[in-house]
C-alpha atoms as a PDB file:
ATOM      1  CA  MET A   1     142.663 121.713  53.176  1.00  0.00           C
ATOM      2  CA  GLU A   2     144.292 119.606  50.342  1.00  0.00           C
ATOM      3  CA  GLU A   3     143.017 116.113  49.936  1.00  0.00           C
ATOM      4  CA  PRO A   4     145.759 113.388  50.825  1.00  0.00           C
ATOM      5  CA  THR A   5     147.229 111.552  47.943  1.00  0.00           C
ATOM      6  CA  ILE A   6     146.567 107.800  47.907  1.00  0.00           C
ATOM      7  CA  PHE A   7     150.107 107.103  49.165  1.00  0.00           C
ATOM      8  CA  GLU A   8     149.615 109.376  52.257  1.00  0.00           C
ATOM      9  CA  ALA A   9     146.031 107.571  52.947  1.00  0.00           C
ATOM     10  CA  ALA A  10     147.314 104.324  52.533  1.00  0.00           C
ATOM     11  CA  GLY A  11     149.990 104.812  55.200  1.00  0.00           C
ATOM     12  CA  GLY A  12     152.937 106.049  53.192  1.00  0.00           C
ATOM     13  CA  SER A  13     156.296 104.074  52.571  1.00  0.00           C
ATOM     14  CA  ALA A  14     155.804 101.534  55.178  1.00  0.00           C
ATOM     15  CA  ALA A  15     152.311 100.840  54.193  1.00  0.00           C
ATOM     16  CA  MET A  16     153.702 100.123  50.538  1.00  0.00           C
ATOM     17  CA  LEU A  17     156.390  98.098  51.866  1.00  0.00           C
ATOM     18  CA  ARG A  18     153.786  95.939  53.806  1.00  0.00           C
ATOM     19  CA  LEU A  19     151.553  95.733  50.638  1.00  0.00           C
ATOM     20  CA  ALA A  20     154.412  94.580  48.431  1.00  0.00           C
ATOM     21  CA  GLN A  21     155.551  91.930  51.030  1.00  0.00           C
ATOM     22  CA  ALA A  22     152.154  90.630  51.525  1.00  0.00           C
ATOM     23  CA  HIS A  23     151.347  90.759  47.603  1.00  0.00           C
ATOM     24  CA  HIS A  24     154.644  88.771  46.814  1.00  0.00           C
ATOM     25  CA  SER A  25     153.865  86.287  49.458  1.00  0.00           C
ATOM     26  CA  ARG A  26     150.400  85.789  47.995  1.00  0.00           C
ATOM     27  CA  CYS A  27     151.744  85.338  44.537  1.00  0.00           C
ATOM     28  CA  LEU A  28     154.315  82.779  45.839  1.00  0.00           C
ATOM     29  CA  ALA A  29     151.557  80.974  47.456  1.00  0.00           C
ATOM     30  CA  ASP A  30     149.484  80.835  44.382  1.00  0.00           C
ATOM     31  CA  PRO A  31     149.807  77.849  42.165  1.00  0.00           C
ATOM     32  CA  ILE A  32     149.499  79.647  38.901  1.00  0.00           C
ATOM     33  CA  LEU A  33     151.313  82.889  39.907  1.00  0.00           C
ATOM     34  CA  SER A  34     154.228  81.231  41.819  1.00  0.00           C
ATOM     35  CA  HIS A  35     155.999  80.026  38.724  1.00  0.00           C
ATOM     36  CA  PRO A  36     156.923  83.538  37.289  1.00  0.00           C
ATOM     37  CA  PHE A  37     157.704  84.640  40.981  1.00  0.00           C
ATOM     38  CA  SER A  38     159.894  81.934  41.843  1.00  0.00           C
ATOM     39  CA  HIS A  39     163.048  82.467  39.365  1.00  0.00           C
ATOM     40  CA  ALA A  40     164.895  85.686  38.099  1.00  0.00           C
ATOM     41  CA  ILE A  41     163.524  87.821  40.957  1.00  0.00           C
ATOM     42  CA  HIS A  42     165.740  90.690  41.790  1.00  0.00           C
ATOM     43  CA  PRO A  43     167.096  90.605  45.516  1.00  0.00           C
ATOM     44  CA  GLU A  44     165.358  93.830  46.268  1.00  0.00           C
ATOM     45  CA  HIS A  45     162.245  93.325  44.262  1.00  0.00           C
ATOM     46  CA  VAL A  46     159.881  93.803  47.227  1.00  0.00           C
ATOM     47  CA  GLU A  47     161.488  96.991  47.965  1.00  0.00           C
ATOM     48  CA  ARG A  48     161.580  98.015  44.405  1.00  0.00           C
ATOM     49  CA  LEU A  49     157.839  97.108  44.064  1.00  0.00           C
ATOM     50  CA  ALA A  50     156.811  99.271  47.047  1.00  0.00           C
ATOM     51  CA  ALA A  51     158.889 102.271  45.742  1.00  0.00           C
ATOM     52  CA  TYR A  52     157.173 101.892  42.327  1.00  0.00           C
ATOM     53  CA  TRP A  53     153.663 101.632  43.924  1.00  0.00           C
ATOM     54  CA  GLY A  54     154.499 104.793  46.215  1.00  0.00           C
ATOM     55  CA  GLU A  55     155.437 106.894  43.264  1.00  0.00           C
ATOM     56  CA  VAL A  56     152.543 105.880  41.306  1.00  0.00           C
ATOM     57  CA  PHE A  57     150.097 106.954  44.468  1.00  0.00           C
ATOM     58  CA  GLY A  58     151.752 110.296  45.093  1.00  0.00           C
ATOM     59  CA  GLY A  59     154.787 109.310  47.108  1.00  0.00           C
ATOM     60  CA  PRO A  60     158.519 110.136  46.519  1.00  0.00           C
ATOM     61  CA  PRO A  61     159.960 109.574  42.726  1.00  0.00           C
ATOM     62  CA  THR A  62     162.514 106.783  44.404  1.00  0.00           C
ATOM     63  CA  PHE A  63     161.666 104.130  41.619  1.00  0.00           C
ATOM     64  CA  SER A  64     162.324 106.512  38.816  1.00  0.00           C
ATOM     65  CA  ALA A  65     165.440 107.962  40.364  1.00  0.00           C
ATOM     66  CA  THR A  66     166.832 104.692  41.307  1.00  0.00           C
ATOM     67  CA  CYS A  67     165.333 102.000  38.834  1.00  0.00           C
ATOM     68  CA  GLY A  68     164.592 103.293  35.418  1.00  0.00           C
ATOM     69  CA  GLY A  69     160.786 104.468  35.548  1.00  0.00           C
ATOM     70  CA  HIS A  70     157.835 103.221  34.097  1.00  0.00           C
ATOM     71  CA  SER A  71     159.771 102.013  30.657  1.00  0.00           C
ATOM     72  CA  ALA A  72     162.139 100.076  33.004  1.00  0.00           C
ATOM     73  CA  MET A  73     159.131  98.237  34.760  1.00  0.00           C
ATOM     74  CA  LEU A  74     157.301  97.603  31.606  1.00  0.00           C
ATOM     75  CA  GLY A  75     160.512  96.302  29.999  1.00  0.00           C
ATOM     76  CA  LEU A  76     160.876  93.721  32.671  1.00  0.00           C
ATOM     77  CA  HIS A  77     157.635  92.229  31.838  1.00  0.00           C
ATOM     78  CA  ALA A  78     157.971  92.587  27.833  1.00  0.00           C
ATOM     79  CA  GLY A  79     157.724  89.397  25.782  1.00  0.00           C
ATOM     80  CA  CYS A  80     157.019  87.192  28.616  1.00  0.00           C
ATOM     81  CA  GLU A  81     153.841  86.009  26.719  1.00  0.00           C
ATOM     82  CA  MET A  82     151.602  86.049  30.184  1.00  0.00           C
ATOM     83  CA  GLN A  83     148.010  84.489  30.010  1.00  0.00           C
ATOM     84  CA  ALA A  84     145.127  86.622  30.578  1.00  0.00           C
ATOM     85  CA  GLU A  85     144.552  84.370  33.991  1.00  0.00           C
ATOM     86  CA  LEU A  86     147.654  85.557  35.380  1.00  0.00           C
ATOM     87  CA  GLY A  87     146.377  89.199  35.273  1.00  0.00           C
ATOM     88  CA  GLU A  88     143.189  88.167  36.728  1.00  0.00           C
ATOM     89  CA  ARG A  89     145.002  86.492  39.728  1.00  0.00           C
ATOM     90  CA  PHE A  90     147.316  89.042  40.162  1.00  0.00           C
ATOM     91  CA  VAL A  91     144.801  91.731  40.775  1.00  0.00           C
ATOM     92  CA  GLN A  92     142.896  89.560  43.303  1.00  0.00           C
ATOM     93  CA  CYS A  93     146.434  88.776  45.139  1.00  0.00           C
ATOM     94  CA  PHE A  94     146.614  92.657  45.330  1.00  0.00           C
ATOM     95  CA  VAL A  95     143.415  93.426  46.620  1.00  0.00           C
ATOM     96  CA  ASN A  96     143.567  90.578  49.399  1.00  0.00           C
ATOM     97  CA  ALA A  97     147.483  91.754  49.928  1.00  0.00           C
ATOM     98  CA  ALA A  98     145.850  95.101  51.123  1.00  0.00           C
ATOM     99  CA  ASP A  99     144.021  93.375  53.992  1.00  0.00           C
ATOM    100  CA  ASP A 100     147.180  91.424  54.924  1.00  0.00           C
ATOM    101  CA  ALA A 101     149.192  94.378  54.955  1.00  0.00           C
ATOM    102  CA  GLY A 102     146.583  96.351  57.369  1.00  0.00           C
ATOM    103  CA  LEU A 103     145.884  99.055  54.992  1.00  0.00           C
ATOM    104  CA  PRO A 104     142.890 101.174  56.035  1.00  0.00           C
ATOM    105  CA  SER A 105     139.745  99.515  54.925  1.00  0.00           C
ATOM    106  CA  ASP A 106     138.158 102.912  53.523  1.00  0.00           C
ATOM    107  CA  LEU A 107     135.967 102.036  50.367  1.00  0.00           C
ATOM    108  CA  ALA A 108     137.371 104.996  48.301  1.00  0.00           C
ATOM    109  CA  LEU A 109     141.020 104.136  49.125  1.00  0.00           C
ATOM    110  CA  ARG A 110     140.493 100.267  48.404  1.00  0.00           C
ATOM    111  CA  GLU A 111     138.401 101.089  45.085  1.00  0.00           C
ATOM    112  CA  CYS A 112     141.235 103.211  43.911  1.00  0.00           C
ATOM    113  CA  LEU A 113     143.827 100.523  44.703  1.00  0.00           C
ATOM    114  CA  ARG A 114     141.811  98.053  42.638  1.00  0.00           C
ATOM    115  CA  ALA A 115     141.247 100.173  39.795  1.00  0.00           C
ATOM    116  CA  TYR A 116     144.741 100.963  39.486  1.00  0.00           C
ATOM    117  CA  MET A 117     146.008  97.489  39.648  1.00  0.00           C
ATOM    118  CA  ALA A 118     143.644  96.261  36.719  1.00  0.00           C
ATOM    119  CA  TRP A 119     144.738  99.251  34.776  1.00  0.00           C
ATOM    120  CA  ALA A 120     148.225  98.358  35.412  1.00  0.00           C
ATOM    121  CA  VAL A 121     147.712  94.872  34.535  1.00  0.00           C
ATOM    122  CA  ALA A 122     146.266  95.616  31.432  1.00  0.00           C
ATOM    123  CA  GLN A 123     149.405  97.786  30.492  1.00  0.00           C
ATOM    124  CA  VAL A 124     151.558  94.834  31.444  1.00  0.00           C
ATOM    125  CA  MET A 125     149.288  92.522  29.192  1.00  0.00           C
ATOM    126  CA  GLU A 126     149.875  94.555  26.179  1.00  0.00           C
ATOM    127  CA  VAL A 127     153.666  94.390  26.245  1.00  0.00           C
ATOM    128  CA  SER A 128     153.561  90.805  27.184  1.00  0.00           C
ATOM    129  CA  PRO A 129     153.326  89.040  23.628  1.00  0.00           C
ATOM    130  CA  LYS A 130     156.488  87.664  22.366  1.00  0.00           C
ATOM    131  CA  GLY A 131     158.649  90.178  20.644  1.00  0.00           C
ATOM    132  CA  SER A 132     157.202  93.264  22.269  1.00  0.00           C
ATOM    133  CA  ALA A 133     159.282  96.383  23.031  1.00  0.00           C
ATOM    134  CA  VAL A 134     158.874  99.116  25.268  1.00  0.00           C
ATOM    135  CA  PRO A 135     159.670 102.518  24.394  1.00  0.00           C
ATOM    136  CA  GLY A 136     162.152 104.372  26.641  1.00  0.00           C
ATOM    137  CA  GLY A 137     161.133 107.421  28.551  1.00  0.00           C
ATOM    138  CA  LEU A 138     157.348 106.780  29.222  1.00  0.00           C
ATOM    139  CA  ALA A 139     156.059 109.139  31.862  1.00  0.00           C
ATOM    140  CA  MET A 140     155.744 107.419  35.192  1.00  0.00           C
ATOM    141  CA  PRO A 141     151.952 106.876  35.864  1.00  0.00           C
ATOM    142  CA  ARG A 142     150.177 108.708  38.759  1.00  0.00           C
ATOM    143  CA  TRP A 143     147.109 107.435  40.133  1.00  0.00           C
ATOM    144  CA  THR A 144     144.546 109.890  41.845  1.00  0.00           C
ATOM    145  CA  TRP A 145     141.289 109.573  43.566  1.00  0.00           C
ATOM    146  CA  ASP A 146     139.978 110.051  40.085  1.00  0.00           C
ATOM    147  CA  GLY A 147     141.826 107.536  38.272  1.00  0.00           C
ATOM    148  CA  PRO A 148     145.088 108.185  35.981  1.00  0.00           C
ATOM    149  CA  ARG A 149     146.431 111.660  35.829  1.00  0.00           C
ATOM    150  CA  SER A 150     147.637 112.582  32.570  1.00  0.00           C
END
């Protein structure tokens, strides 16, 4: 029997949407994170975020097919000059949003989610300095129970 993907273990597309909604709400309520989340957000931001995370965790390639993949996501954050504190708060909001979204409390699942988000935030922080550019065609990250799959 094959091990379920993180996407499947979390509850599939519906769970990713609940997670994205809960995370977005937490970011808007955070006194530091609310500023970048309060303006110039795409009207389908939450749905796109859910599709991105779903694809990363082993779900369908919806984000790549409709939104441009990993390069496009990093490009949205390039040159935004984010401070390190934003990243730490973002990860904590994500961890807490998993509870809000009713994701399974399985320790292995929760550790994978946290590890992914810490890794993802580090990637975004790398392109955050002013003048940063993101190369096109970057492979979509795939996160497994053992971490990033190459």
